[in-house]
Amino acid sequence: MIDPFEKFCTIAKIRRPHGIAGAMLVEFYLEDMNSLSQYKPIFIKKFDEKIEINIKEIFGKCKNSYRIIADEIKSKEDAAQFRNCEIITEYKNMPEGIYLEQLVGFKVEKNKKIIGTIFAIHNFGAGYVAETEHEDMILIEDLAIEDLNMNNNPNRVIRFKK
């Protein structure tokens, strides 16, 4: 089955509504918040649907999250329906490179043997880890991402660093 969101990159996650006017508390995955305008159009991914939004204001950093206001979200009730939804944009709008979420589905090779397929990427505070379907956790820094050719890798295999 083809993933309809395969061409999209997650740039943030909506945590919860903030206030009564439709503001939302959002955790961004971008290094530079000033670059957000380059990534348009921006969408909220809600189940199998994508809803285009125009972020009108980003303000009030709160721990590792920001409050945002989008033109399309007018009330706390509107905002509540997007709790835990992702904010996405197409990879073509992003700076060139490999994004960790693109590794999901790749087979992991160690000592010329496939040890599992990456099921999810996590960050529990001490760095990023890849989880395989066998519930193995692999530090991302142990994988040879810099050697990965996304366009010429039909078997979707990533190897451990030597």
Protein backbone atom coordinates (compact mmCIF):
# COMPACT_ATOMS: atom_id res chain seq x y z
CA MET A 1 0.00 0.00 0.00
CA ILE A 2 1.32 3.45 -0.91
CA ASP A 3 1.48 5.94 1.95
CA PRO A 4 -0.32 9.15 0.86
CA PHE A 5 1.98 11.11 3.20
CA GLU A 6 5.24 9.63 1.87
CA LYS A 7 6.21 12.97 0.29
CA PHE A 8 5.60 14.88 3.53
CA CYS A 9 7.92 15.77 6.39
CA THR A 10 6.70 16.28 9.95
CA ILE A 11 7.86 19.69 11.17
CA ALA A 12 5.85 19.91 14.40
CA LYS A 13 3.36 18.22 16.68
CA ILE A 14 0.33 19.94 18.17
CA ARG A 15 0.26 19.26 21.90
CA ARG A 16 -2.99 20.90 22.98
CA PRO A 17 -5.21 23.99 22.70
CA HIS A 18 -4.00 27.09 24.49
CA GLY A 19 -6.57 29.65 25.63
CA ILE A 20 -10.05 30.22 24.25
CA ALA A 21 -9.28 31.93 20.92
CA GLY A 22 -7.93 28.89 19.04
CA ALA A 23 -4.24 29.17 19.87
CA MET A 24 -2.37 25.87 20.13
CA LEU A 25 0.72 24.71 22.00
CA VAL A 26 3.03 23.17 19.39
CA GLU A 27 6.36 21.36 19.64
CA PHE A 28 8.43 22.24 16.57
CA TYR A 29 11.17 20.00 15.17
CA LEU A 30 12.85 22.83 13.26
CA GLU A 31 16.20 24.26 14.28
CA ASP A 32 15.32 27.75 13.08
CA MET A 33 11.80 29.01 13.76
CA ASN A 34 12.41 31.98 11.43
CA SER A 35 12.63 29.57 8.50
CA LEU A 36 9.03 28.36 8.91
CA SER A 37 7.74 30.66 6.16
CA GLN A 38 9.96 28.83 3.61
CA TYR A 39 8.09 25.56 4.11
CA LYS A 40 4.67 26.63 2.77
CA PRO A 41 2.18 25.20 2.17
CA ILE A 42 1.82 23.76 5.66
CA PHE A 43 -0.81 21.20 6.64
CA ILE A 44 -2.22 19.54 9.72
CA LYS A 45 -2.27 15.77 9.29
CA LYS A 46 -5.40 14.40 10.93
CA PHE A 47 -5.75 10.68 10.31
CA ASP A 48 -5.73 10.27 6.49
CA GLU A 49 -6.66 13.90 5.84
CA LYS A 50 -4.49 16.95 5.41
CA ILE A 51 -5.83 20.41 6.20
CA GLU A 52 -3.93 23.41 4.88
CA ILE A 53 -3.27 26.11 7.44
CA ASN A 54 -1.75 29.56 7.45
CA ILE A 55 0.23 30.15 10.63
CA LYS A 56 -0.30 33.80 11.34
CA GLU A 57 1.66 34.11 14.59
CA ILE A 58 4.20 32.17 16.66
CA PHE A 59 4.77 33.45 20.17
CA GLY A 60 5.49 32.68 23.79
CA LYS A 61 8.01 29.88 24.02
CA CYS A 62 6.96 27.50 26.80
CA LYS A 63 9.67 24.90 27.60
CA ASN A 64 10.32 23.26 24.19
CA SER A 65 7.00 24.35 22.66
CA TYR A 66 5.54 27.53 21.16
CA ARG A 67 2.05 28.91 20.97
CA ILE A 68 0.73 29.43 17.46
CA ILE A 69 -2.31 31.05 15.91
CA ALA A 70 -3.58 29.85 12.52
CA ASP A 71 -6.16 31.73 10.47
CA GLU A 72 -8.35 28.63 10.07
CA ILE A 73 -8.64 27.79 13.78
CA LYS A 74 -11.00 30.19 15.53
CA SER A 75 -11.83 28.59 18.91
CA LYS A 76 -10.63 26.29 21.65
CA GLU A 77 -13.01 23.64 20.28
CA ASP A 78 -11.48 23.95 16.78
CA ALA A 79 -8.00 23.60 18.29
CA ALA A 80 -8.97 20.64 20.49
CA GLN A 81 -9.74 18.44 17.47
CA PHE A 82 -6.07 18.68 16.42
CA ARG A 83 -4.55 17.56 19.75
CA ASN A 84 -1.53 15.31 19.02
CA CYS A 85 -1.82 15.84 15.25
CA GLU A 86 1.30 16.53 13.19
CA ILE A 87 2.07 19.65 11.19
CA ILE A 88 3.58 18.63 7.86
CA THR A 89 5.00 20.06 4.65
CA GLU A 90 6.34 18.45 1.49
CA TYR A 91 9.98 17.35 1.51
CA LYS A 92 10.54 19.47 -1.62
CA ASN A 93 9.98 22.56 0.58
CA MET A 94 12.66 21.48 3.05
CA PRO A 95 16.44 21.94 2.85
CA GLU A 96 18.09 19.04 1.03
CA GLY A 97 19.15 16.15 3.23
CA ILE A 98 17.97 12.98 4.90
CA TYR A 99 15.32 13.30 7.59
CA LEU A 100 15.11 10.70 10.34
CA GLU A 101 11.49 9.81 9.67
CA GLN A 102 12.54 8.74 6.15
CA LEU A 103 14.42 5.84 7.75
CA VAL A 104 11.18 4.14 8.84
CA GLY A 105 10.81 1.01 6.72
CA PHE A 106 14.54 0.60 6.12
CA LYS A 107 16.14 -2.75 6.93
CA VAL A 108 19.12 -2.57 9.31
CA GLU A 109 22.22 -4.56 8.41
CA LYS A 110 24.90 -5.52 10.91
CA ASN A 111 27.84 -7.80 10.00
CA LYS A 112 26.21 -8.49 6.59
CA LYS A 113 23.02 -9.78 8.24
CA ILE A 114 19.62 -8.06 8.36
CA ILE A 115 18.73 -7.67 12.03
CA GLY A 116 15.36 -5.93 11.63
CA THR A 117 13.31 -3.23 9.95
CA ILE A 118 13.00 0.25 11.42
CA PHE A 119 9.49 0.63 12.77
CA ALA A 120 9.72 4.02 14.51
CA ILE A 121 12.13 6.80 15.50
CA HIS A 122 12.11 8.06 19.11
CA ASN A 123 13.89 10.61 21.24
CA PHE A 124 13.60 9.91 24.95
CA GLY A 125 15.91 12.79 25.82
CA ALA A 126 19.32 11.18 25.33
CA GLY A 127 19.36 11.20 21.54
CA TYR A 128 17.47 9.59 18.70
CA VAL A 129 16.92 5.84 18.55
CA ALA A 130 15.47 3.61 15.85
CA GLU A 131 13.07 0.90 17.00
CA THR A 132 12.82 -2.31 14.99
CA GLU A 133 9.82 -4.59 14.74
CA HIS A 134 11.61 -6.86 17.25
CA GLU A 135 11.56 -3.97 19.74
CA ASP A 136 15.34 -3.54 19.48
CA MET A 137 16.52 0.03 20.06
CA ILE A 138 19.43 1.22 17.90
CA LEU A 139 21.17 4.54 18.45
CA ILE A 140 20.83 6.61 15.29
CA GLU A 141 24.44 7.75 15.72
CA ASP A 142 25.52 4.10 15.24
CA LEU A 143 23.98 3.98 11.75
CA ALA A 144 25.89 5.02 8.63
CA ILE A 145 23.37 7.66 7.54
CA GLU A 146 26.04 9.73 5.78
CA ASP A 147 26.66 6.76 3.43
CA LEU A 148 22.98 6.38 2.60
CA ASN A 149 21.82 7.11 -0.94
CA MET A 150 18.06 7.62 -0.75
CA ASN A 151 17.65 7.66 -4.56
CA ASN A 152 19.68 4.54 -5.33
CA ASN A 153 18.79 2.06 -2.60
CA PRO A 154 16.07 -0.27 -3.97
CA ASN A 155 16.43 -2.72 -1.06
CA ARG A 156 16.10 0.09 1.51
CA VAL A 157 19.01 -1.09 3.67
CA ILE A 158 21.03 0.96 6.13
CA ARG A 159 24.22 -0.37 7.70
CA PHE A 160 25.91 0.12 11.03
CA LYS A 161 29.00 2.33 11.02
CA LYS A 162 32.25 0.40 10.79
